Amino acid sequence: TPLLGKTMHVGTLAMGGREWELELSPTDVFIAENRTDEAMLVLLLGIALSVGLLWWAFKDEDFGEIMHELRLADPFWFILATAAATLVFIPRAWRWRTLLQPVAPGTTFRSRFAATTIGFMGNNLLPARIGEFARVFALSRMERISVVTGLGSLVVERLFDAAFVIGFLFLALALP
């Protein structure tokens, strides 16, 4: 494809005593799996939406102050926090396989992981934990699984979560 290996230079950011070159590039995986102009349009619209929402979220803030604080940040801790926030989805995707195995064997880790991250994004952006429904819907689009089956696994998962939280509550109360 004409975009393979090409990048667009966005700028330079001084952070943590170092300068970082900021570039946008479509990933080789995305291009390999979605070789259409429509897919590129979706990618560019997603980037534009992200930039627009970031502008909206920070429009009343002092951009210079934000950049000053970002320059003081240590990239190691930023990368570590990002990795930790992302890695928590791995055990959730594995756990979901266990719940889906009796009714939908053979779901791929990739689709469960993608659906889980989509669901948590929805929970962060939408009210009333609507992201949980987005997670089920996303999985039903990637795997041969009905939305009802996904919702059933979701209910069972939440019951297990509640049981563990109550168990930890009793454990905390029992400790001196």
Protein backbone atom coordinates (compact mmCIF):
# COMPACT_ATOMS: atom_id res chain seq x y z
CA THR A 1 0.00 0.00 0.00
CA PRO A 2 1.19 3.57 -0.53
CA LEU A 3 1.03 4.36 3.22
CA LEU A 4 3.09 1.40 4.42
CA GLY A 5 6.12 2.67 6.31
CA LYS A 6 5.24 6.35 5.88
CA THR A 7 4.91 8.69 8.82
CA MET A 8 3.69 12.22 9.30
CA HIS A 9 5.83 14.42 11.55
CA VAL A 10 3.63 16.14 14.14
CA GLY A 11 6.21 17.92 16.24
CA THR A 12 8.76 17.66 19.01
CA LEU A 13 8.00 17.44 22.73
CA ALA A 14 10.55 18.12 25.44
CA MET A 15 9.69 15.90 28.40
CA GLY A 16 11.71 14.58 31.30
CA GLY A 17 14.87 16.30 30.11
CA ARG A 18 14.67 14.64 26.67
CA GLU A 19 13.22 15.58 23.33
CA TRP A 20 10.70 13.21 21.76
CA GLU A 21 9.76 13.27 18.10
CA LEU A 22 6.01 12.93 17.65
CA GLU A 23 4.92 11.12 14.51
CA LEU A 24 1.68 9.61 13.32
CA SER A 25 1.88 6.40 11.35
CA PRO A 26 -0.74 3.78 10.58
CA THR A 27 0.44 0.47 11.98
CA ASP A 28 1.52 -2.26 9.62
CA VAL A 29 -1.04 -4.59 11.20
CA PHE A 30 -3.91 -2.18 10.57
CA ILE A 31 -2.87 -1.70 6.96
CA ALA A 32 -2.35 -5.43 6.37
CA GLU A 33 -5.81 -6.27 7.69
CA ASN A 34 -7.68 -3.27 6.27
CA ARG A 35 -6.31 -2.41 2.86
CA THR A 36 -9.24 -0.25 1.83
CA ASP A 37 -9.67 3.47 1.50
CA GLU A 38 -12.71 3.16 3.77
CA ALA A 39 -10.54 1.73 6.56
CA MET A 40 -8.07 4.59 6.19
CA LEU A 41 -10.95 7.06 6.31
CA VAL A 42 -12.17 5.45 9.54
CA LEU A 43 -8.64 5.67 11.00
CA LEU A 44 -8.30 9.34 10.06
CA LEU A 45 -11.79 10.14 11.37
CA GLY A 46 -10.87 8.42 14.65
CA ILE A 47 -7.72 10.51 14.96
CA ALA A 48 -9.66 13.69 14.09
CA LEU A 49 -12.33 12.82 16.66
CA SER A 50 -9.67 12.22 19.31
CA VAL A 51 -7.95 15.52 18.57
CA GLY A 52 -11.30 17.36 18.58
CA LEU A 53 -12.37 15.84 21.90
CA LEU A 54 -8.99 16.60 23.47
CA TRP A 55 -9.33 20.20 22.30
CA TRP A 56 -12.85 20.38 23.77
CA ALA A 57 -11.72 18.86 27.09
CA PHE A 58 -8.84 21.31 27.47
CA LYS A 59 -10.17 24.42 25.68
CA ASP A 60 -10.47 26.44 28.90
CA GLU A 61 -7.04 25.40 30.18
CA ASP A 62 -3.73 27.18 29.66
CA PHE A 63 -1.96 25.19 26.93
CA GLY A 64 1.43 26.55 27.99
CA GLU A 65 0.89 25.30 31.55
CA ILE A 66 -0.16 21.87 30.28
CA MET A 67 2.96 21.65 28.12
CA HIS A 68 5.11 22.80 31.07
CA GLU A 69 3.71 20.04 33.27
CA LEU A 70 4.15 17.45 30.51
CA ARG A 71 7.81 18.47 30.14
CA LEU A 72 8.32 17.84 33.86
CA ALA A 73 6.82 14.36 33.62
CA ASP A 74 9.12 11.36 33.64
CA PRO A 75 8.44 9.23 30.52
CA PHE A 76 9.30 6.05 32.45
CA TRP A 77 6.40 6.53 34.86
CA PHE A 78 4.06 7.52 32.05
CA ILE A 79 4.91 4.37 30.09
CA LEU A 80 4.67 2.24 33.23
CA ALA A 81 1.23 3.66 34.12
CA THR A 82 0.00 3.15 30.56
CA ALA A 83 1.26 -0.45 30.56
CA ALA A 84 -0.33 -1.17 33.94
CA ALA A 85 -3.65 0.31 32.85
CA THR A 86 -3.60 -1.78 29.68
CA LEU A 87 -2.31 -5.04 31.16
CA VAL A 88 -5.28 -5.36 33.53
CA PHE A 89 -7.41 -6.24 30.51
CA ILE A 90 -5.42 -9.43 29.83
CA PRO A 91 -6.69 -11.41 32.85
CA ARG A 92 -10.20 -10.10 32.19
CA ALA A 93 -10.08 -11.42 28.63
CA TRP A 94 -8.76 -14.78 29.89
CA ARG A 95 -11.48 -14.94 32.55
CA TRP A 96 -14.13 -14.18 29.96
CA ARG A 97 -12.95 -17.20 27.94
CA THR A 98 -13.68 -19.44 30.92
CA LEU A 99 -17.19 -18.05 31.19
CA LEU A 100 -17.84 -18.34 27.44
CA GLN A 101 -16.27 -21.79 26.96
CA PRO A 102 -19.43 -23.86 27.64
CA VAL A 103 -21.60 -21.89 25.20
CA ALA A 104 -19.10 -20.45 22.73
CA PRO A 105 -15.88 -22.49 22.62
CA GLY A 106 -13.05 -21.24 20.51
CA THR A 107 -13.37 -17.49 20.91
CA THR A 108 -10.02 -15.88 20.23
CA PHE A 109 -8.05 -13.97 22.82
CA ARG A 110 -7.69 -11.09 20.40
CA SER A 111 -11.44 -10.58 20.03
CA ARG A 112 -12.09 -10.94 23.77
CA PHE A 113 -9.27 -8.48 24.55
CA ALA A 114 -10.51 -5.99 21.95
CA ALA A 115 -14.10 -6.26 23.19
CA THR A 116 -12.95 -5.83 26.79
CA THR A 117 -11.02 -2.66 25.99
CA ILE A 118 -13.95 -1.32 23.97
CA GLY A 119 -16.25 -1.98 26.91
CA PHE A 120 -14.02 -0.19 29.39
CA MET A 121 -13.66 2.75 27.02
CA GLY A 122 -17.46 2.88 26.90
CA ASN A 123 -17.64 2.75 30.69
CA ASN A 124 -15.27 5.72 30.87
CA LEU A 125 -17.16 7.78 28.30
CA LEU A 126 -20.80 6.81 28.77
CA PRO A 127 -23.10 6.82 31.80
CA ALA A 128 -24.60 3.84 33.63
CA ARG A 129 -21.89 1.34 32.59
CA ILE A 130 -23.22 1.23 29.05
CA GLY A 131 -19.75 0.10 28.03
CA GLU A 132 -20.61 -3.38 29.29
CA PHE A 133 -23.23 -3.63 26.55
CA ALA A 134 -20.73 -2.24 24.05
CA ARG A 135 -18.31 -4.98 25.10
CA VAL A 136 -20.87 -7.69 24.44
CA PHE A 137 -21.94 -6.13 21.15
CA ALA A 138 -18.30 -5.81 20.02
CA LEU A 139 -17.63 -9.47 20.78
CA SER A 140 -20.77 -10.52 18.92
CA ARG A 141 -19.47 -8.66 15.86
CA MET A 142 -16.04 -10.33 16.03
CA GLU A 143 -17.07 -13.87 16.96
CA ARG A 144 -19.98 -16.17 16.22
CA ILE A 145 -21.72 -15.48 19.47
CA SER A 146 -25.15 -14.03 20.12
CA VAL A 147 -25.63 -10.86 22.11
CA VAL A 148 -27.84 -12.80 24.54
CA THR A 149 -25.05 -15.31 25.19
CA GLY A 150 -22.62 -12.45 25.77
CA LEU A 151 -25.03 -10.74 28.15
CA GLY A 152 -25.45 -13.99 30.08
CA SER A 153 -21.68 -14.28 30.51
CA LEU A 154 -21.64 -10.65 31.62
CA VAL A 155 -24.24 -11.30 34.33
CA VAL A 156 -22.27 -14.31 35.60
CA GLU A 157 -19.06 -12.28 35.57
CA ARG A 158 -20.65 -9.49 37.62
CA LEU A 159 -22.01 -12.04 40.12
CA PHE A 160 -18.49 -13.44 40.56
CA ASP A 161 -17.14 -9.89 40.97
CA ALA A 162 -19.76 -9.13 43.61
CA ALA A 163 -19.00 -12.36 45.49
CA PHE A 164 -15.28 -11.53 45.59
CA VAL A 165 -15.91 -7.95 46.76
CA ILE A 166 -18.19 -9.20 49.54
CA GLY A 167 -15.60 -11.84 50.45
CA PHE A 168 -12.88 -9.19 50.69
CA LEU A 169 -15.21 -7.04 52.81
CA PHE A 170 -15.71 -9.87 55.29
CA LEU A 171 -11.99 -10.57 55.27
CA ALA A 172 -11.23 -6.92 56.04
CA LEU A 173 -13.78 -6.92 58.85
CA ALA A 174 -12.32 -10.10 60.32
CA LEU A 175 -8.77 -8.74 60.43
CA PRO A 176 -7.72 -6.86 63.54
